[in-house]
C-alpha cells in the first residue's frame, strides 16, 4: 500500500506486500523490500530511511 502524499522517484521498484507511509519520499532507482515509515526520505537497494522530513 502506498500512503497519501508519497513521492516516488523514477525507476523505483516496490515488492509486493510493502507499505510506504504517508508523506514520504522514495529516491530514484530504489528497491523497496521492507515497509517505509511515514515522514521520511528513503533511498537505496535495499531501500532504507536516511532522514526524517521536518515540518
Protein backbone atom coordinates (compact mmCIF):
# COMPACT_ATOMS: atom_id res chain seq x y z
CA UNK A 1 0.00 0.00 0.00
CA UNK A 2 1.23 3.49 -0.83
CA UNK A 3 0.14 6.23 1.58
CA UNK A 4 -1.08 9.75 0.89
CA UNK A 5 1.29 12.45 -0.40
CA UNK A 6 4.09 9.98 -1.26
CA UNK A 7 6.64 10.94 -3.91
CA UNK A 8 8.39 8.18 -5.88
CA UNK A 9 11.47 8.88 -7.96
CA UNK A 10 11.96 7.34 -11.39
CA UNK A 11 12.56 3.59 -11.77
CA UNK A 12 11.55 2.73 -8.19
CA UNK A 13 10.77 -0.97 -7.65
CA UNK A 14 8.25 -1.84 -4.91
CA UNK A 15 7.94 -5.51 -3.94
CA UNK A 16 4.50 -6.99 -3.15
CA UNK A 17 3.14 -6.52 0.39
CA UNK A 18 5.25 -3.46 1.22
CA UNK A 19 3.69 -0.37 2.84
CA UNK A 20 5.03 3.14 2.27
CA UNK A 21 3.83 5.58 4.93
CA UNK A 22 2.18 8.95 4.33
CA UNK A 23 4.31 12.00 3.43
CA UNK A 24 7.42 10.02 2.47
CA UNK A 25 9.83 10.35 -0.45
CA UNK A 26 11.49 7.36 -2.14
CA UNK A 27 14.58 8.21 -4.16
CA UNK A 28 15.06 7.29 -7.82
CA UNK A 29 16.23 3.76 -8.56
CA UNK A 30 15.42 2.48 -5.06
CA UNK A 31 14.25 -1.09 -4.44
CA UNK A 32 11.68 -1.12 -1.63
CA UNK A 33 11.72 -4.55 0.06
CA UNK A 34 10.54 -3.55 3.57
CA UNK A 35 7.94 -1.16 4.98
CA UNK A 36 8.89 2.52 4.95
CA UNK A 37 7.57 4.66 7.84
CA UNK A 38 5.68 7.93 7.44
CA UNK A 39 7.52 11.23 7.02
CA UNK A 40 10.95 10.06 5.85
CA UNK A 41 13.28 10.24 2.86
CA UNK A 42 14.30 6.71 1.89
CA UNK A 43 16.81 5.57 -0.75
CA UNK A 44 18.93 2.64 -1.81
CA UNK A 45 18.95 -1.03 -2.67
CA UNK A 46 17.53 -2.23 -0.37
CA UNK A 47 15.67 1.00 0.36
CA UNK A 48 16.05 2.40 3.87
CA UNK A 49 15.18 5.68 5.57
CA UNK A 50 18.04 8.17 5.69
CA UNK A 51 16.36 11.13 7.39
CA UNK A 52 13.08 12.44 8.75
CA UNK A 53 11.11 15.14 6.95
CA UNK A 54 10.53 18.07 9.28
CA UNK A 55 7.51 20.27 9.04
